[in-house]
Each structure stands twice: as structure tokens, then as C-alpha cells.
Amino acid sequence: MSADAKDGTERSEQPTAKGAVSAPGPDGVPRKTSRRFPLFTRDTARPEGGGRAAPGDAPAPARQWPLLVVVSVVALGLLLTAFDVFRVGTILVGLGLLAGAVMRWTLPGVGMLAVRSRFTDMVTYGILGLAIVLLAMMAQPNPWLVIPFLDDTLHFTISS
């Protein structure tokens, strides 16, 4: 029961169809509230964990340190790849993405590293990072890792 401020009478909130509740409007007349999504969205929801990674009074780089770590490791890997240290550079790119997946899993707030839901980000960063590391370790010549199934698949697709 809620008291109406204008006439002193008490009104109860009446449930309506589909779980909506009549709530008094500014003029005291009950208004129906809807649980439906609006026709036009006004804003986009922030991803879970998409808040600042440091307090608001910290400088911008400190607030976005998880993203800066991932981007720095990937940039270093790309730089090494450009200077003909292919295997180490691509492994660094993959490790940077794997570090992003681990940070997305363990840290409550990762700033702009949060793009989608926590689960989707972890799976995306993790699968891409693992695939890049495995492919870098299998690169020719002199692969560090040999997976016969993948080697046979590669030879089957190229020789056909």
C-alpha cells in the first residue's frame, strides 16, 4: 500500500498483464509500466567488467592498463616479426591474447579490454591466442611442435 500525496488516500499497486505493475505517475494517476524493450534504444550497455581498472582520479593509462599490456605485447610481437624473428614474434602475439583472456577471467574490471560478455571475451581471446601459438610452433622450417594429424591434413589439402 502506498499513500497518495495529493488526497491522502492509500492505493495499492495492482499487477497487470504480463507482470507489469500500475505505478502512480506525477499527477497521481496510475500508469502502466512495461517490461518490454523500448522501440528505440538510447544507449548501449557496458560489458560486464568494462569499468575502469583503476580509480577515476588516476591518469588514463593507469585506468586502461590491461588493454595497454595486451596491445604492447602484441605490438612487440609484430615488431619482432617484421625484423625477421618470425617464430618468437608470432608466439608473443599469441601470448598477448592469452594474457588478455587470463586478465578478463581474473580481474573484476579491465576497462576497454572488455568488449563483449566476460565469457565471450575469454573464449575469443583464448582460442585465437592458443591457435596463433600452436601455429607459430608448427611453422616450417624446423618446427618446434609436430602434430601428425594436422600435418597429414595439410598435405592432403595441398596435394589434392
C-alpha atoms as a PDB file:
ATOM      1  CA  MET A   1       0.000   0.000   0.000  1.00  0.00           C
ATOM      2  CA  SER A   2       1.256   3.452  -0.856  1.00  0.00           C
ATOM      3  CA  ALA A   3      -0.170   6.733   0.293  1.00  0.00           C
ATOM      4  CA  ASP A   4      -1.168   9.231  -2.376  1.00  0.00           C
ATOM      5  CA  ALA A   5       0.347  12.618  -1.569  1.00  0.00           C
ATOM      6  CA  LYS A   6      -2.494  14.665  -3.051  1.00  0.00           C
ATOM      7  CA  ASP A   7      -5.665  13.323  -1.459  1.00  0.00           C
ATOM      8  CA  GLY A   8      -4.307  11.207   1.403  1.00  0.00           C
ATOM      9  CA  THR A   9      -5.937   8.001   0.140  1.00  0.00           C
ATOM     10  CA  GLU A  10      -3.994   4.795   0.017  1.00  0.00           C
ATOM     11  CA  ARG A  11      -3.568   2.958  -3.252  1.00  0.00           C
ATOM     12  CA  SER A  12      -2.167  -0.484  -3.813  1.00  0.00           C
ATOM     13  CA  GLU A  13      -0.014  -1.339  -6.780  1.00  0.00           C
ATOM     14  CA  GLN A  14      -2.119  -3.632  -8.929  1.00  0.00           C
ATOM     15  CA  PRO A  15      -0.397  -6.233 -11.077  1.00  0.00           C
ATOM     16  CA  THR A  16      -1.483  -6.089 -14.707  1.00  0.00           C
ATOM     17  CA  ALA A  17      -0.983  -8.361 -17.699  1.00  0.00           C
ATOM     18  CA  LYS A  18       2.476  -9.833 -18.288  1.00  0.00           C
ATOM     19  CA  GLY A  19       3.805  -8.805 -14.880  1.00  0.00           C
ATOM     20  CA  ALA A  20       3.591  -5.040 -15.403  1.00  0.00           C
ATOM     21  CA  VAL A  21       2.637  -3.022 -12.329  1.00  0.00           C
ATOM     22  CA  SER A  22       0.494   0.090 -12.190  1.00  0.00           C
ATOM     23  CA  ALA A  23       2.557   2.819 -10.600  1.00  0.00           C
ATOM     24  CA  PRO A  24       1.305   6.300  -9.808  1.00  0.00           C
ATOM     25  CA  GLY A  25       2.545   8.943 -12.241  1.00  0.00           C
ATOM     26  CA  PRO A  26       3.487  12.529 -11.344  1.00  0.00           C
ATOM     27  CA  ASP A  27      -0.178  13.551 -11.361  1.00  0.00           C
ATOM     28  CA  GLY A  28      -1.211  10.655  -9.101  1.00  0.00           C
ATOM     29  CA  VAL A  29      -2.932   8.713 -11.894  1.00  0.00           C
ATOM     30  CA  PRO A  30      -1.747   5.109 -12.109  1.00  0.00           C
ATOM     31  CA  ARG A  31       0.494   4.466 -15.124  1.00  0.00           C
ATOM     32  CA  LYS A  32       1.288   1.083 -16.586  1.00  0.00           C
ATOM     33  CA  THR A  33       4.947   0.209 -16.625  1.00  0.00           C
ATOM     34  CA  SER A  34       6.141  -2.177 -19.280  1.00  0.00           C
ATOM     35  CA  ARG A  35       8.778  -4.869 -19.173  1.00  0.00           C
ATOM     36  CA  ARG A  36       9.227  -4.683 -22.948  1.00  0.00           C
ATOM     37  CA  PHE A  37      12.343  -3.260 -24.520  1.00  0.00           C
ATOM     38  CA  PRO A  38      11.900   0.244 -25.903  1.00  0.00           C
ATOM     39  CA  LEU A  39      11.333   0.651 -29.631  1.00  0.00           C
ATOM     40  CA  PHE A  40      14.453   2.817 -29.958  1.00  0.00           C
ATOM     41  CA  THR A  41      17.482   2.199 -27.777  1.00  0.00           C
ATOM     42  CA  ARG A  42      19.113   5.265 -26.302  1.00  0.00           C
ATOM     43  CA  ASP A  43      22.357   3.737 -25.044  1.00  0.00           C
ATOM     44  CA  THR A  44      24.472   0.606 -25.138  1.00  0.00           C
ATOM     45  CA  ALA A  45      25.027  -1.451 -22.024  1.00  0.00           C
ATOM     46  CA  ARG A  46      28.617  -1.569 -20.809  1.00  0.00           C
ATOM     47  CA  PRO A  47      30.109  -5.088 -20.916  1.00  0.00           C
ATOM     48  CA  GLU A  48      30.465  -6.881 -17.597  1.00  0.00           C
ATOM     49  CA  GLY A  49      33.818  -5.849 -16.159  1.00  0.00           C
ATOM     50  CA  GLY A  50      34.020  -2.886 -18.526  1.00  0.00           C
ATOM     51  CA  GLY A  51      34.550  -0.374 -15.731  1.00  0.00           C
ATOM     52  CA  ARG A  52      37.840   1.320 -15.010  1.00  0.00           C
ATOM     53  CA  ALA A  53      40.770  -0.846 -13.965  1.00  0.00           C
ATOM     54  CA  ALA A  54      41.963   1.910 -11.612  1.00  0.00           C
ATOM     55  CA  PRO A  55      40.209   4.724  -9.692  1.00  0.00           C
ATOM     56  CA  GLY A  56      38.714   7.592 -11.681  1.00  0.00           C
ATOM     57  CA  ASP A  57      41.290  10.110 -10.466  1.00  0.00           C
ATOM     58  CA  ALA A  58      44.175   8.017 -11.888  1.00  0.00           C
ATOM     59  CA  PRO A  59      45.645   9.067 -15.245  1.00  0.00           C
ATOM     60  CA  ALA A  60      44.148   7.483 -18.375  1.00  0.00           C
ATOM     61  CA  PRO A  61      46.983   4.969 -18.983  1.00  0.00           C
ATOM     62  CA  ALA A  62      46.645   3.671 -15.430  1.00  0.00           C
ATOM     63  CA  ARG A  63      42.883   3.233 -15.860  1.00  0.00           C
ATOM     64  CA  GLN A  64      43.398   1.153 -19.024  1.00  0.00           C
ATOM     65  CA  TRP A  65      46.485  -0.836 -18.045  1.00  0.00           C
ATOM     66  CA  PRO A  66      45.078  -4.284 -19.033  1.00  0.00           C
ATOM     67  CA  LEU A  67      44.452  -3.131 -22.592  1.00  0.00           C
ATOM     68  CA  LEU A  68      47.846  -1.426 -22.743  1.00  0.00           C
ATOM     69  CA  VAL A  69      49.600  -4.624 -21.615  1.00  0.00           C
ATOM     70  CA  VAL A  70      47.906  -6.714 -24.317  1.00  0.00           C
ATOM     71  CA  VAL A  71      48.472  -4.131 -27.058  1.00  0.00           C
ATOM     72  CA  SER A  72      52.129  -3.654 -26.044  1.00  0.00           C
ATOM     73  CA  VAL A  73      52.909  -7.384 -26.097  1.00  0.00           C
ATOM     74  CA  VAL A  74      51.148  -7.816 -29.459  1.00  0.00           C
ATOM     75  CA  ALA A  75      52.946  -4.754 -30.895  1.00  0.00           C
ATOM     76  CA  LEU A  76      56.311  -6.097 -29.717  1.00  0.00           C
ATOM     77  CA  GLY A  77      55.499  -9.441 -31.335  1.00  0.00           C
ATOM     78  CA  LEU A  78      54.572  -7.759 -34.614  1.00  0.00           C
ATOM     79  CA  LEU A  79      57.774  -5.685 -34.485  1.00  0.00           C
ATOM     80  CA  LEU A  80      59.880  -8.815 -33.976  1.00  0.00           C
ATOM     81  CA  THR A  81      58.033 -10.496 -36.835  1.00  0.00           C
ATOM     82  CA  ALA A  82      58.811  -7.522 -39.074  1.00  0.00           C
ATOM     83  CA  PHE A  83      62.513  -7.832 -38.167  1.00  0.00           C
ATOM     84  CA  ASP A  84      62.569 -11.472 -39.313  1.00  0.00           C
ATOM     85  CA  VAL A  85      62.258 -13.138 -35.902  1.00  0.00           C
ATOM     86  CA  PHE A  86      59.068 -14.783 -37.106  1.00  0.00           C
ATOM     87  CA  ARG A  87      58.552 -17.605 -34.639  1.00  0.00           C
ATOM     88  CA  VAL A  88      59.268 -15.614 -31.462  1.00  0.00           C
ATOM     89  CA  GLY A  89      57.229 -12.651 -32.721  1.00  0.00           C
ATOM     90  CA  THR A  90      54.129 -14.677 -33.531  1.00  0.00           C
ATOM     91  CA  ILE A  91      54.388 -16.577 -30.249  1.00  0.00           C
ATOM     92  CA  LEU A  92      54.422 -13.203 -28.475  1.00  0.00           C
ATOM     93  CA  VAL A  93      51.278 -12.160 -30.363  1.00  0.00           C
ATOM     94  CA  GLY A  94      49.531 -15.348 -29.216  1.00  0.00           C
ATOM     95  CA  LEU A  95      50.784 -14.966 -25.641  1.00  0.00           C
ATOM     96  CA  GLY A  96      49.475 -11.390 -25.580  1.00  0.00           C
ATOM     97  CA  LEU A  97      45.991 -12.645 -26.479  1.00  0.00           C
ATOM     98  CA  LEU A  98      46.236 -15.441 -23.910  1.00  0.00           C
ATOM     99  CA  ALA A  99      47.228 -12.841 -21.296  1.00  0.00           C
ATOM    100  CA  GLY A 100      44.118 -10.871 -22.275  1.00  0.00           C
ATOM    101  CA  ALA A 101      41.983 -13.973 -21.702  1.00  0.00           C
ATOM    102  CA  VAL A 102      43.543 -14.563 -18.288  1.00  0.00           C
ATOM    103  CA  MET A 103      43.086 -10.924 -17.251  1.00  0.00           C
ATOM    104  CA  ARG A 104      39.482 -10.985 -18.453  1.00  0.00           C
ATOM    105  CA  TRP A 105      38.893 -14.069 -16.289  1.00  0.00           C
ATOM    106  CA  THR A 106      40.655 -12.960 -13.112  1.00  0.00           C
ATOM    107  CA  LEU A 107      40.225  -9.173 -12.896  1.00  0.00           C
ATOM    108  CA  PRO A 108      36.882  -7.609 -11.949  1.00  0.00           C
ATOM    109  CA  GLY A 109      37.452  -4.524 -14.111  1.00  0.00           C
ATOM    110  CA  VAL A 110      39.584  -4.461 -17.257  1.00  0.00           C
ATOM    111  CA  GLY A 111      38.492  -1.213 -18.876  1.00  0.00           C
ATOM    112  CA  MET A 112      38.388  -1.221 -22.656  1.00  0.00           C
ATOM    113  CA  LEU A 113      39.678  -4.805 -22.833  1.00  0.00           C
ATOM    114  CA  ALA A 114      36.055  -5.771 -22.128  1.00  0.00           C
ATOM    115  CA  VAL A 115      34.310  -5.782 -25.492  1.00  0.00           C
ATOM    116  CA  ARG A 116      31.576  -8.366 -25.087  1.00  0.00           C
ATOM    117  CA  SER A 117      30.440 -10.515 -22.191  1.00  0.00           C
ATOM    118  CA  ARG A 118      33.163 -11.944 -19.963  1.00  0.00           C
ATOM    119  CA  PHE A 119      32.645 -15.491 -21.272  1.00  0.00           C
ATOM    120  CA  THR A 120      32.718 -14.443 -24.934  1.00  0.00           C
ATOM    121  CA  ASP A 121      35.851 -12.347 -24.450  1.00  0.00           C
ATOM    122  CA  MET A 122      37.656 -15.165 -22.628  1.00  0.00           C
ATOM    123  CA  VAL A 123      36.768 -17.734 -25.287  1.00  0.00           C
ATOM    124  CA  THR A 124      37.655 -15.404 -28.165  1.00  0.00           C
ATOM    125  CA  TYR A 125      40.991 -14.255 -26.749  1.00  0.00           C
ATOM    126  CA  GLY A 126      41.854 -17.769 -25.572  1.00  0.00           C
ATOM    127  CA  ILE A 127      41.083 -19.628 -28.812  1.00  0.00           C
ATOM    128  CA  LEU A 128      42.790 -17.043 -31.015  1.00  0.00           C
ATOM    129  CA  GLY A 129      45.835 -16.876 -28.741  1.00  0.00           C
ATOM    130  CA  LEU A 130      46.184 -20.649 -28.498  1.00  0.00           C
ATOM    131  CA  ALA A 131      45.770 -21.095 -32.259  1.00  0.00           C
ATOM    132  CA  ILE A 132      48.427 -18.460 -33.002  1.00  0.00           C
ATOM    133  CA  VAL A 133      50.896 -20.003 -30.528  1.00  0.00           C
ATOM    134  CA  LEU A 134      50.347 -23.538 -31.868  1.00  0.00           C
ATOM    135  CA  LEU A 135      50.651 -22.449 -35.495  1.00  0.00           C
ATOM    136  CA  ALA A 136      53.808 -20.477 -34.701  1.00  0.00           C
ATOM    137  CA  MET A 137      55.346 -23.534 -33.065  1.00  0.00           C
ATOM    138  CA  MET A 138      54.417 -25.687 -36.084  1.00  0.00           C
ATOM    139  CA  ALA A 139      55.779 -23.256 -38.689  1.00  0.00           C
ATOM    140  CA  GLN A 140      58.349 -24.542 -41.160  1.00  0.00           C
ATOM    141  CA  PRO A 141      61.345 -24.900 -41.338  1.00  0.00           C
ATOM    142  CA  ASN A 142      62.335 -26.830 -38.235  1.00  0.00           C
ATOM    143  CA  PRO A 143      59.018 -26.865 -36.356  1.00  0.00           C
ATOM    144  CA  TRP A 144      59.194 -26.891 -32.567  1.00  0.00           C
ATOM    145  CA  LEU A 145      55.943 -28.858 -32.417  1.00  0.00           C
ATOM    146  CA  VAL A 146      54.777 -31.630 -34.718  1.00  0.00           C
ATOM    147  CA  ILE A 147      51.164 -32.739 -34.665  1.00  0.00           C
ATOM    148  CA  PRO A 148      50.846 -35.605 -37.180  1.00  0.00           C
ATOM    149  CA  PHE A 149      47.084 -35.195 -37.636  1.00  0.00           C
ATOM    150  CA  LEU A 150      47.448 -31.572 -38.687  1.00  0.00           C
ATOM    151  CA  ASP A 151      50.480 -32.351 -40.838  1.00  0.00           C
ATOM    152  CA  ASP A 152      48.539 -35.071 -42.692  1.00  0.00           C
ATOM    153  CA  THR A 153      45.582 -32.727 -43.124  1.00  0.00           C
ATOM    154  CA  LEU A 154      47.825 -30.028 -44.588  1.00  0.00           C
ATOM    155  CA  HIS A 155      49.444 -32.443 -47.051  1.00  0.00           C
ATOM    156  CA  PHE A 156      46.029 -33.842 -48.044  1.00  0.00           C
ATOM    157  CA  THR A 157      44.595 -30.399 -48.785  1.00  0.00           C
ATOM    158  CA  ILE A 158      47.651 -29.192 -50.736  1.00  0.00           C
ATOM    159  CA  SER A 159      48.266 -32.356 -52.791  1.00  0.00           C
ATOM    160  CA  SER A 160      44.622 -32.786 -53.890  1.00  0.00           C
END
